[in-house]
Structures are given as C-alpha cells and as structure tokens.
Amino acid sequence: MGMQRLEIQLPESVYRQLARIAEETAQSIEALAAQSVMSNLPPSADDASPELRAELLRMQVLETEDLLRIAQAKTESVHHERQAELLEKNEDGLLTQAERQELAQLRQVCDQLMLRKAYAWSVLRWRGQRVPKLQELSIPQ
C-alpha cells in the first residue's frame, strides 16, 4: 500500500493525547493518527453491487432521521410470512422451480434490506450517534 503525506492541524489536547498514547505504547504519533483515521472512516460500499453501492453511498449525506428510518426498517410481513412458508416447504423437499426462484428473490430482498440497515447504523455510528445493543433492538421472533 502506497503512502501519501497529509498535513493536518489538531487541537493541542488531541495532540497531547496522541503523544501520551504513543509514548505509553511505543508507537509513533503518525501510526496512531493513521489508525484513528482508518477506524473512523465511513463504511466502505466497495463490495456491494453497483446499483446498491450507489444507494449506500447516498446514505452518507442523508439526514439522521432518514438514516434512523432505514436502520429501523422491517421486512414486510407478507414477505416474511411467505419466506417462512417457502423455507418450511423447502425442508420437506416440496418446492417447485418457481418457488425456488421466489425464495431466492425473497432472500435477496431480505439480504439487501439487512445490508441497508447495517450500513445506515454504520453511518450513524460514524457521525457519533449511539448504536443500540442487539438486545435493545426489536427482533421478530
């Protein structure tokens, strides 16, 4: 990985904190600053499909309320019920080819929803918002 040089100005208190941690951990201030920047960058959308990637990148400029709406979105109950029905039928080996395709499409819809939700929570966290613990989220049983 190539390196680029970037000069930034930090508040004195931040610089002192970096210097103290660098000294205590025998690391350079530069390494700590780079580590801090890398761990606090917005989430990457590089692995998403091109159409989903564009949508995820647009999330980085959405208002907090819009991101929360996405993060708290739920699968439509009709899709959830149909997927459960197809999965149960699949366990018995009774799916038709059309039902297999329908199940695959429902899985893709659910997967994309989960990716959008996770990305929205990541952007919210990046902006300093509190992300709830798993136990605090309402999860359908």
C-alpha atoms as a PDB file:
ATOM      1  CA  MET A   1       0.000   0.000   0.000  1.00  0.00           C
ATOM      2  CA  GLY A   2       1.440   3.337  -1.019  1.00  0.00           C
ATOM      3  CA  MET A   3       1.620   6.149   1.446  1.00  0.00           C
ATOM      4  CA  GLN A   4       0.508   9.719   0.954  1.00  0.00           C
ATOM      5  CA  ARG A   5       1.510  12.637   3.100  1.00  0.00           C
ATOM      6  CA  LEU A   6      -1.197  14.778   4.696  1.00  0.00           C
ATOM      7  CA  GLU A   7      -0.579  17.676   6.988  1.00  0.00           C
ATOM      8  CA  ILE A   8      -3.359  18.461   9.448  1.00  0.00           C
ATOM      9  CA  GLN A   9      -3.754  20.748  12.412  1.00  0.00           C
ATOM     10  CA  LEU A  10      -5.019  19.193  15.622  1.00  0.00           C
ATOM     11  CA  PRO A  11      -6.207  20.822  18.801  1.00  0.00           C
ATOM     12  CA  GLU A  12      -3.436  20.805  21.425  1.00  0.00           C
ATOM     13  CA  SER A  13      -5.425  18.444  23.668  1.00  0.00           C
ATOM     14  CA  VAL A  14      -5.783  15.872  20.878  1.00  0.00           C
ATOM     15  CA  TYR A  15      -2.101  16.082  20.027  1.00  0.00           C
ATOM     16  CA  ARG A  16      -1.139  15.633  23.701  1.00  0.00           C
ATOM     17  CA  GLN A  17      -3.421  12.615  23.969  1.00  0.00           C
ATOM     18  CA  LEU A  18      -1.862  11.061  20.845  1.00  0.00           C
ATOM     19  CA  ALA A  19       1.631  11.798  22.144  1.00  0.00           C
ATOM     20  CA  ARG A  20       0.848  10.246  25.532  1.00  0.00           C
ATOM     21  CA  ILE A  21      -0.614   7.086  23.986  1.00  0.00           C
ATOM     22  CA  ALA A  22       2.287   6.876  21.529  1.00  0.00           C
ATOM     23  CA  GLU A  23       4.782   7.050  24.363  1.00  0.00           C
ATOM     24  CA  GLU A  24       2.916   4.537  26.533  1.00  0.00           C
ATOM     25  CA  THR A  25       2.533   2.032  23.687  1.00  0.00           C
ATOM     26  CA  ALA A  26       5.881   2.604  21.952  1.00  0.00           C
ATOM     27  CA  GLN A  27       4.172   3.605  18.707  1.00  0.00           C
ATOM     28  CA  SER A  28       4.636   6.646  16.559  1.00  0.00           C
ATOM     29  CA  ILE A  29       2.142   9.503  16.646  1.00  0.00           C
ATOM     30  CA  GLU A  30       1.792   9.088  12.882  1.00  0.00           C
ATOM     31  CA  ALA A  31       0.841   5.402  13.225  1.00  0.00           C
ATOM     32  CA  LEU A  32      -1.732   6.212  15.902  1.00  0.00           C
ATOM     33  CA  ALA A  33      -3.206   9.063  13.868  1.00  0.00           C
ATOM     34  CA  ALA A  34      -3.440   6.832  10.767  1.00  0.00           C
ATOM     35  CA  GLN A  35      -5.055   4.068  12.829  1.00  0.00           C
ATOM     36  CA  SER A  36      -7.581   6.549  14.240  1.00  0.00           C
ATOM     37  CA  VAL A  37      -8.459   7.878  10.804  1.00  0.00           C
ATOM     38  CA  MET A  38      -8.812   4.391   9.281  1.00  0.00           C
ATOM     39  CA  SER A  39     -11.033   3.120  12.083  1.00  0.00           C
ATOM     40  CA  ASN A  40     -13.275   6.168  11.874  1.00  0.00           C
ATOM     41  CA  LEU A  41     -13.778   6.422   8.125  1.00  0.00           C
ATOM     42  CA  PRO A  42     -17.315   5.944   6.857  1.00  0.00           C
ATOM     43  CA  PRO A  43     -18.116   2.365   5.968  1.00  0.00           C
ATOM     44  CA  SER A  44     -16.987   1.123   2.582  1.00  0.00           C
ATOM     45  CA  ALA A  45     -19.530   0.161  -0.077  1.00  0.00           C
ATOM     46  CA  ASP A  46     -16.922  -1.373  -2.384  1.00  0.00           C
ATOM     47  CA  ASP A  47     -18.218  -4.946  -2.085  1.00  0.00           C
ATOM     48  CA  ALA A  48     -21.849  -4.086  -2.878  1.00  0.00           C
ATOM     49  CA  SER A  49     -23.372  -4.482  -6.318  1.00  0.00           C
ATOM     50  CA  PRO A  50     -23.079  -1.324  -8.468  1.00  0.00           C
ATOM     51  CA  GLU A  51     -26.738  -0.341  -8.049  1.00  0.00           C
ATOM     52  CA  LEU A  52     -26.711  -0.972  -4.303  1.00  0.00           C
ATOM     53  CA  ARG A  53     -23.292   0.720  -3.948  1.00  0.00           C
ATOM     54  CA  ALA A  54     -24.707   3.978  -5.307  1.00  0.00           C
ATOM     55  CA  GLU A  55     -27.601   3.798  -2.849  1.00  0.00           C
ATOM     56  CA  LEU A  56     -25.280   3.099   0.097  1.00  0.00           C
ATOM     57  CA  LEU A  57     -23.004   5.994  -0.829  1.00  0.00           C
ATOM     58  CA  ARG A  58     -26.010   8.333  -0.991  1.00  0.00           C
ATOM     59  CA  MET A  59     -26.783   7.335   2.611  1.00  0.00           C
ATOM     60  CA  GLN A  60     -23.662   9.189   3.742  1.00  0.00           C
ATOM     61  CA  VAL A  61     -25.378  12.514   3.083  1.00  0.00           C
ATOM     62  CA  LEU A  62     -28.841  11.644   4.431  1.00  0.00           C
ATOM     63  CA  GLU A  63     -30.226  13.359   7.498  1.00  0.00           C
ATOM     64  CA  THR A  64     -30.028  11.444  10.767  1.00  0.00           C
ATOM     65  CA  GLU A  65     -33.802  10.908  10.838  1.00  0.00           C
ATOM     66  CA  ASP A  66     -33.724   9.330   7.376  1.00  0.00           C
ATOM     67  CA  LEU A  67     -30.868   7.037   8.378  1.00  0.00           C
ATOM     68  CA  LEU A  68     -32.744   6.002  11.518  1.00  0.00           C
ATOM     69  CA  ARG A  69     -35.796   5.177   9.403  1.00  0.00           C
ATOM     70  CA  ILE A  70     -33.671   2.928   7.191  1.00  0.00           C
ATOM     71  CA  ALA A  71     -31.855   1.373  10.163  1.00  0.00           C
ATOM     72  CA  GLN A  72     -35.147   0.515  11.859  1.00  0.00           C
ATOM     73  CA  ALA A  73     -36.932  -0.749   8.726  1.00  0.00           C
ATOM     74  CA  LYS A  74     -38.522  -4.158   8.898  1.00  0.00           C
ATOM     75  CA  THR A  75     -39.273  -6.764   6.275  1.00  0.00           C
ATOM     76  CA  GLU A  76     -42.845  -6.503   5.073  1.00  0.00           C
ATOM     77  CA  SER A  77     -44.865  -9.083   6.992  1.00  0.00           C
ATOM     78  CA  VAL A  78     -46.250 -10.600   3.786  1.00  0.00           C
ATOM     79  CA  HIS A  79     -42.680 -11.207   2.551  1.00  0.00           C
ATOM     80  CA  HIS A  80     -41.611 -12.562   5.929  1.00  0.00           C
ATOM     81  CA  GLU A  81     -44.579 -14.947   6.095  1.00  0.00           C
ATOM     82  CA  ARG A  82     -44.117 -16.124   2.511  1.00  0.00           C
ATOM     83  CA  GLN A  83     -40.415 -16.727   3.047  1.00  0.00           C
ATOM     84  CA  ALA A  84     -41.148 -18.740   6.208  1.00  0.00           C
ATOM     85  CA  GLU A  85     -43.747 -20.757   4.288  1.00  0.00           C
ATOM     86  CA  LEU A  86     -41.317 -21.472   1.455  1.00  0.00           C
ATOM     87  CA  LEU A  87     -38.496 -22.372   3.845  1.00  0.00           C
ATOM     88  CA  GLU A  88     -40.736 -24.846   5.633  1.00  0.00           C
ATOM     89  CA  LYS A  89     -41.805 -26.342   2.315  1.00  0.00           C
ATOM     90  CA  ASN A  90     -38.136 -26.468   1.273  1.00  0.00           C
ATOM     91  CA  GLU A  91     -37.256 -28.522   4.372  1.00  0.00           C
ATOM     92  CA  ASP A  92     -39.727 -31.134   3.147  1.00  0.00           C
ATOM     93  CA  GLY A  93     -38.211 -31.012  -0.352  1.00  0.00           C
ATOM     94  CA  LEU A  94     -41.500 -29.911  -1.903  1.00  0.00           C
ATOM     95  CA  LEU A  95     -40.523 -26.652  -3.627  1.00  0.00           C
ATOM     96  CA  THR A  96     -41.277 -26.227  -7.301  1.00  0.00           C
ATOM     97  CA  GLN A  97     -38.743 -24.496  -9.539  1.00  0.00           C
ATOM     98  CA  ALA A  98     -40.877 -21.325  -9.493  1.00  0.00           C
ATOM     99  CA  GLU A  99     -40.988 -21.429  -5.688  1.00  0.00           C
ATOM    100  CA  ARG A 100     -37.200 -21.874  -5.532  1.00  0.00           C
ATOM    101  CA  GLN A 101     -36.811 -18.750  -7.647  1.00  0.00           C
ATOM    102  CA  GLU A 102     -39.327 -16.896  -5.476  1.00  0.00           C
ATOM    103  CA  LEU A 103     -37.436 -17.948  -2.342  1.00  0.00           C
ATOM    104  CA  ALA A 104     -34.147 -16.787  -3.869  1.00  0.00           C
ATOM    105  CA  GLN A 105     -35.701 -13.415  -4.712  1.00  0.00           C
ATOM    106  CA  LEU A 106     -37.138 -13.052  -1.201  1.00  0.00           C
ATOM    107  CA  ARG A 107     -33.729 -13.883   0.270  1.00  0.00           C
ATOM    108  CA  GLN A 108     -32.110 -11.255  -1.930  1.00  0.00           C
ATOM    109  CA  VAL A 109     -34.662  -8.636  -0.855  1.00  0.00           C
ATOM    110  CA  CYS A 110     -34.047  -9.517   2.809  1.00  0.00           C
ATOM    111  CA  ASP A 111     -30.268  -9.541   2.360  1.00  0.00           C
ATOM    112  CA  GLN A 112     -30.339  -6.122   0.709  1.00  0.00           C
ATOM    113  CA  LEU A 113     -32.562  -4.760   3.477  1.00  0.00           C
ATOM    114  CA  MET A 114     -30.137  -6.075   6.115  1.00  0.00           C
ATOM    115  CA  LEU A 115     -27.205  -4.534   4.237  1.00  0.00           C
ATOM    116  CA  ARG A 116     -29.000  -1.170   4.039  1.00  0.00           C
ATOM    117  CA  LYS A 117     -29.833  -1.344   7.749  1.00  0.00           C
ATOM    118  CA  ALA A 118     -26.261  -2.252   8.735  1.00  0.00           C
ATOM    119  CA  TYR A 119     -24.866   0.486   6.515  1.00  0.00           C
ATOM    120  CA  ALA A 120     -27.281   3.054   7.966  1.00  0.00           C
ATOM    121  CA  TRP A 121     -26.229   2.085  11.518  1.00  0.00           C
ATOM    122  CA  SER A 122     -22.570   2.328  10.452  1.00  0.00           C
ATOM    123  CA  VAL A 123     -23.045   5.822   9.060  1.00  0.00           C
ATOM    124  CA  LEU A 124     -24.927   6.848  12.204  1.00  0.00           C
ATOM    125  CA  ARG A 125     -22.090   5.487  14.370  1.00  0.00           C
ATOM    126  CA  TRP A 126     -19.549   7.283  12.188  1.00  0.00           C
ATOM    127  CA  ARG A 127     -21.446  10.510  12.853  1.00  0.00           C
ATOM    128  CA  GLY A 128     -21.219   9.912  16.591  1.00  0.00           C
ATOM    129  CA  GLN A 129     -24.733   8.610  17.124  1.00  0.00           C
ATOM    130  CA  ARG A 130     -25.332   5.893  19.691  1.00  0.00           C
ATOM    131  CA  VAL A 131     -25.927   2.494  18.116  1.00  0.00           C
ATOM    132  CA  PRO A 132     -28.197   0.293  20.239  1.00  0.00           C
ATOM    133  CA  LYS A 133     -27.065  -3.058  21.543  1.00  0.00           C
ATOM    134  CA  LEU A 134     -28.589  -6.125  19.914  1.00  0.00           C
ATOM    135  CA  GLN A 135     -30.771  -6.726  22.984  1.00  0.00           C
ATOM    136  CA  GLU A 136     -32.258  -3.233  22.579  1.00  0.00           C
ATOM    137  CA  LEU A 137     -33.409  -3.820  19.001  1.00  0.00           C
ATOM    138  CA  SER A 138     -36.830  -5.286  18.355  1.00  0.00           C
ATOM    139  CA  ILE A 139     -36.217  -8.515  16.521  1.00  0.00           C
ATOM    140  CA  PRO A 140     -39.131 -10.565  15.165  1.00  0.00           C
ATOM    141  CA  GLN A 141     -39.376 -13.977  16.766  1.00  0.00           C
END
